[in-house]
Amino acid sequence: MIRVVVDSIRVSLLTQNRVVVLRETDSTRYLPIWIGPFEAEAIAMAIQGHEPVRPLTHDLLKSLIGDLGGQISHIFVNDIRDSTFYARIVIEQDGRTIEVDARPSDAVALAVRTEAPIYVESHVIEQAG
């Protein structure tokens, strides 16, 4: 797996669609993933350190996992099929590892809130980076 960080959130001037750009930490390779406007806002808010007045869905998930004794170990974008990206959230709880299927946008929004590392499988960057 390749370690990445959120480089930026961008908006298409033509379509107003959003893209989260992940950058490989040890090189200049990038992975753009198109995401929805709400997820883009959730990621941007966390990166900028803004606390919502009421918890957003990703804040709720963070609290829920923590209250149940879990901790986000990392997230990883594990596949791309037919231009659709797939991700996994890896949770450590009471000595066991739990992997949860997720949209990459939700996984990244959770990772930036918990400061969990983000990884991408090498074949995904080779195919879409």
C-alpha atoms as a PDB file:
ATOM      1  CA  MET A   1       0.000   0.000   0.000  1.00  0.00           C
ATOM      2  CA  ILE A   2       1.088   3.537  -0.756  1.00  0.00           C
ATOM      3  CA  ARG A   3       0.735   6.309   1.846  1.00  0.00           C
ATOM      4  CA  VAL A   4      -1.075   9.413   0.615  1.00  0.00           C
ATOM      5  CA  VAL A   5      -2.316  12.698   2.046  1.00  0.00           C
ATOM      6  CA  VAL A   6      -5.146  14.976   1.022  1.00  0.00           C
ATOM      7  CA  ASP A   7      -3.504  17.494  -1.296  1.00  0.00           C
ATOM      8  CA  SER A   8      -6.597  19.544  -2.128  1.00  0.00           C
ATOM      9  CA  ILE A   9     -10.299  19.665  -2.823  1.00  0.00           C
ATOM     10  CA  ARG A  10     -11.084  21.173  -6.208  1.00  0.00           C
ATOM     11  CA  VAL A  11     -14.204  22.267  -8.028  1.00  0.00           C
ATOM     12  CA  SER A  12     -14.773  21.963 -11.762  1.00  0.00           C
ATOM     13  CA  LEU A  13     -15.669  25.400 -13.082  1.00  0.00           C
ATOM     14  CA  LEU A  14     -17.732  23.845 -15.857  1.00  0.00           C
ATOM     15  CA  THR A  15     -19.786  21.296 -13.918  1.00  0.00           C
ATOM     16  CA  GLN A  16     -19.350  22.361 -10.266  1.00  0.00           C
ATOM     17  CA  ASN A  17     -18.404  18.731  -9.477  1.00  0.00           C
ATOM     18  CA  ARG A  18     -15.848  18.218  -6.701  1.00  0.00           C
ATOM     19  CA  VAL A  19     -12.681  16.170  -6.675  1.00  0.00           C
ATOM     20  CA  VAL A  20     -10.461  15.238  -3.754  1.00  0.00           C
ATOM     21  CA  VAL A  21      -6.840  15.017  -4.829  1.00  0.00           C
ATOM     22  CA  LEU A  22      -4.678  12.557  -2.899  1.00  0.00           C
ATOM     23  CA  ARG A  23      -0.900  12.954  -3.180  1.00  0.00           C
ATOM     24  CA  GLU A  24       1.618  10.200  -2.602  1.00  0.00           C
ATOM     25  CA  THR A  25       3.832  11.171   0.333  1.00  0.00           C
ATOM     26  CA  ASP A  26       7.076   9.901  -1.185  1.00  0.00           C
ATOM     27  CA  SER A  27       6.653  11.233  -4.736  1.00  0.00           C
ATOM     28  CA  THR A  28       4.644  13.618  -6.868  1.00  0.00           C
ATOM     29  CA  ARG A  29       2.006  11.149  -8.020  1.00  0.00           C
ATOM     30  CA  TYR A  30      -1.587  12.223  -7.528  1.00  0.00           C
ATOM     31  CA  LEU A  31      -4.893  10.382  -7.405  1.00  0.00           C
ATOM     32  CA  PRO A  32      -8.022  12.429  -8.192  1.00  0.00           C
ATOM     33  CA  ILE A  33     -11.334  11.007  -6.961  1.00  0.00           C
ATOM     34  CA  TRP A  34     -14.623  12.671  -7.901  1.00  0.00           C
ATOM     35  CA  ILE A  35     -16.850  13.129  -4.858  1.00  0.00           C
ATOM     36  CA  GLY A  36     -20.139  14.745  -3.914  1.00  0.00           C
ATOM     37  CA  PRO A  37     -20.460  18.334  -2.674  1.00  0.00           C
ATOM     38  CA  PHE A  38     -21.452  17.348   0.882  1.00  0.00           C
ATOM     39  CA  GLU A  39     -18.492  15.005   1.258  1.00  0.00           C
ATOM     40  CA  ALA A  40     -16.170  17.663  -0.182  1.00  0.00           C
ATOM     41  CA  GLU A  41     -17.468  20.147   2.379  1.00  0.00           C
ATOM     42  CA  ALA A  42     -17.049  17.602   5.197  1.00  0.00           C
ATOM     43  CA  ILE A  43     -13.417  16.949   4.222  1.00  0.00           C
ATOM     44  CA  ALA A  44     -12.632  20.642   3.773  1.00  0.00           C
ATOM     45  CA  MET A  45     -14.152  21.567   7.140  1.00  0.00           C
ATOM     46  CA  ALA A  46     -12.025  18.984   8.942  1.00  0.00           C
ATOM     47  CA  ILE A  47      -8.828  20.004   7.142  1.00  0.00           C
ATOM     48  CA  GLN A  48      -9.443  23.654   8.019  1.00  0.00           C
ATOM     49  CA  GLY A  49     -10.198  22.777  11.641  1.00  0.00           C
ATOM     50  CA  HIS A  50     -13.803  24.010  11.620  1.00  0.00           C
ATOM     51  CA  GLU A  51     -16.055  22.451  14.231  1.00  0.00           C
ATOM     52  CA  PRO A  52     -19.718  22.231  13.204  1.00  0.00           C
ATOM     53  CA  VAL A  53     -22.315  23.437  15.687  1.00  0.00           C
ATOM     54  CA  ARG A  54     -23.958  20.004  15.521  1.00  0.00           C
ATOM     55  CA  PRO A  55     -22.136  16.804  14.522  1.00  0.00           C
ATOM     56  CA  LEU A  56     -22.084  15.922  10.850  1.00  0.00           C
ATOM     57  CA  THR A  57     -22.417  12.281   9.845  1.00  0.00           C
ATOM     58  CA  HIS A  58     -18.645  11.761   9.893  1.00  0.00           C
ATOM     59  CA  ASP A  59     -18.367  13.356  13.351  1.00  0.00           C
ATOM     60  CA  LEU A  60     -21.127  11.052  14.553  1.00  0.00           C
ATOM     61  CA  LEU A  61     -19.315   8.021  13.159  1.00  0.00           C
ATOM     62  CA  LYS A  62     -16.063   9.104  14.820  1.00  0.00           C
ATOM     63  CA  SER A  63     -17.843   9.457  18.181  1.00  0.00           C
ATOM     64  CA  LEU A  64     -19.680   6.178  17.787  1.00  0.00           C
ATOM     65  CA  ILE A  65     -16.525   4.211  17.002  1.00  0.00           C
ATOM     66  CA  GLY A  66     -14.701   5.821  19.928  1.00  0.00           C
ATOM     67  CA  ASP A  67     -17.565   5.298  22.369  1.00  0.00           C
ATOM     68  CA  LEU A  68     -17.660   1.608  21.415  1.00  0.00           C
ATOM     69  CA  GLY A  69     -13.966   1.271  22.266  1.00  0.00           C
ATOM     70  CA  GLY A  70     -12.669   1.371  18.731  1.00  0.00           C
ATOM     71  CA  GLN A  71      -9.997   3.403  17.029  1.00  0.00           C
ATOM     72  CA  ILE A  72      -9.505   4.070  13.323  1.00  0.00           C
ATOM     73  CA  SER A  73      -6.191   2.397  12.457  1.00  0.00           C
ATOM     74  CA  HIS A  74      -6.147   3.598   8.841  1.00  0.00           C
ATOM     75  CA  ILE A  75      -8.214   3.776   5.718  1.00  0.00           C
ATOM     76  CA  PHE A  76      -7.270   2.564   2.289  1.00  0.00           C
ATOM     77  CA  VAL A  77      -8.578   2.924  -1.219  1.00  0.00           C
ATOM     78  CA  ASN A  78      -8.411  -0.693  -2.235  1.00  0.00           C
ATOM     79  CA  ASP A  79      -9.901  -0.945  -5.712  1.00  0.00           C
ATOM     80  CA  ILE A  80     -11.255   0.745  -8.799  1.00  0.00           C
ATOM     81  CA  ARG A  81     -13.781  -0.965 -11.069  1.00  0.00           C
ATOM     82  CA  ASP A  82     -15.639   0.662 -13.953  1.00  0.00           C
ATOM     83  CA  SER A  83     -14.365   4.099 -12.830  1.00  0.00           C
ATOM     84  CA  THR A  84     -15.772   3.558  -9.317  1.00  0.00           C
ATOM     85  CA  PHE A  85     -13.374   3.675  -6.375  1.00  0.00           C
ATOM     86  CA  TYR A  86     -13.720   1.439  -3.316  1.00  0.00           C
ATOM     87  CA  ALA A  87     -12.306   1.946   0.161  1.00  0.00           C
ATOM     88  CA  ARG A  88     -12.048   0.232   3.537  1.00  0.00           C
ATOM     89  CA  ILE A  89     -12.026   1.723   7.028  1.00  0.00           C
ATOM     90  CA  VAL A  90      -9.833  -0.333   9.370  1.00  0.00           C
ATOM     91  CA  ILE A  91     -10.875  -0.220  13.026  1.00  0.00           C
ATOM     92  CA  GLU A  92      -9.006  -1.692  15.986  1.00  0.00           C
ATOM     93  CA  GLN A  93     -11.278  -2.718  18.877  1.00  0.00           C
ATOM     94  CA  ASP A  94     -10.480  -4.914  21.857  1.00  0.00           C
ATOM     95  CA  GLY A  95      -7.579  -6.661  20.146  1.00  0.00           C
ATOM     96  CA  ARG A  96      -9.410  -7.367  16.902  1.00  0.00           C
ATOM     97  CA  THR A  97      -9.317  -5.712  13.504  1.00  0.00           C
ATOM     98  CA  ILE A  98     -12.551  -4.786  11.758  1.00  0.00           C
ATOM     99  CA  GLU A  99     -12.679  -3.713   8.112  1.00  0.00           C
ATOM    100  CA  VAL A 100     -15.699  -1.773   6.918  1.00  0.00           C
ATOM    101  CA  ASP A 101     -16.552  -1.148   3.273  1.00  0.00           C
ATOM    102  CA  ALA A 102     -16.936   2.575   2.504  1.00  0.00           C
ATOM    103  CA  ARG A 103     -17.007   5.142  -0.238  1.00  0.00           C
ATOM    104  CA  PRO A 104     -13.572   6.777  -0.483  1.00  0.00           C
ATOM    105  CA  SER A 105     -15.077  10.205   0.220  1.00  0.00           C
ATOM    106  CA  ASP A 106     -16.576   9.005   3.509  1.00  0.00           C
ATOM    107  CA  ALA A 107     -13.414   7.151   4.465  1.00  0.00           C
ATOM    108  CA  VAL A 108     -11.250  10.222   3.782  1.00  0.00           C
ATOM    109  CA  ALA A 109     -13.652  12.477   5.716  1.00  0.00           C
ATOM    110  CA  LEU A 110     -13.328  10.114   8.677  1.00  0.00           C
ATOM    111  CA  ALA A 111      -9.536   9.843   8.325  1.00  0.00           C
ATOM    112  CA  VAL A 112      -8.992  13.600   8.415  1.00  0.00           C
ATOM    113  CA  ARG A 113     -11.158  13.839  11.545  1.00  0.00           C
ATOM    114  CA  THR A 114      -9.234  11.105  13.357  1.00  0.00           C
ATOM    115  CA  GLU A 115      -5.810  11.893  11.869  1.00  0.00           C
ATOM    116  CA  ALA A 116      -5.678   8.306  10.626  1.00  0.00           C
ATOM    117  CA  PRO A 117      -3.254   7.466   7.820  1.00  0.00           C
ATOM    118  CA  ILE A 118      -4.617   7.105   4.296  1.00  0.00           C
ATOM    119  CA  TYR A 119      -3.286   4.444   1.932  1.00  0.00           C
ATOM    120  CA  VAL A 120      -3.982   3.456  -1.667  1.00  0.00           C
ATOM    121  CA  GLU A 121      -3.328   0.074  -3.217  1.00  0.00           C
ATOM    122  CA  SER A 122      -0.589   0.370  -5.846  1.00  0.00           C
ATOM    123  CA  HIS A 123      -2.747  -0.942  -8.709  1.00  0.00           C
ATOM    124  CA  VAL A 124      -5.282   1.842  -8.056  1.00  0.00           C
ATOM    125  CA  ILE A 125      -2.664   4.601  -8.398  1.00  0.00           C
ATOM    126  CA  GLU A 126      -1.167   2.899 -11.431  1.00  0.00           C
ATOM    127  CA  GLN A 127      -4.567   2.717 -13.109  1.00  0.00           C
ATOM    128  CA  ALA A 128      -6.099   6.055 -12.091  1.00  0.00           C
ATOM    129  CA  GLY A 129      -3.261   8.242 -10.794  1.00  0.00           C
END
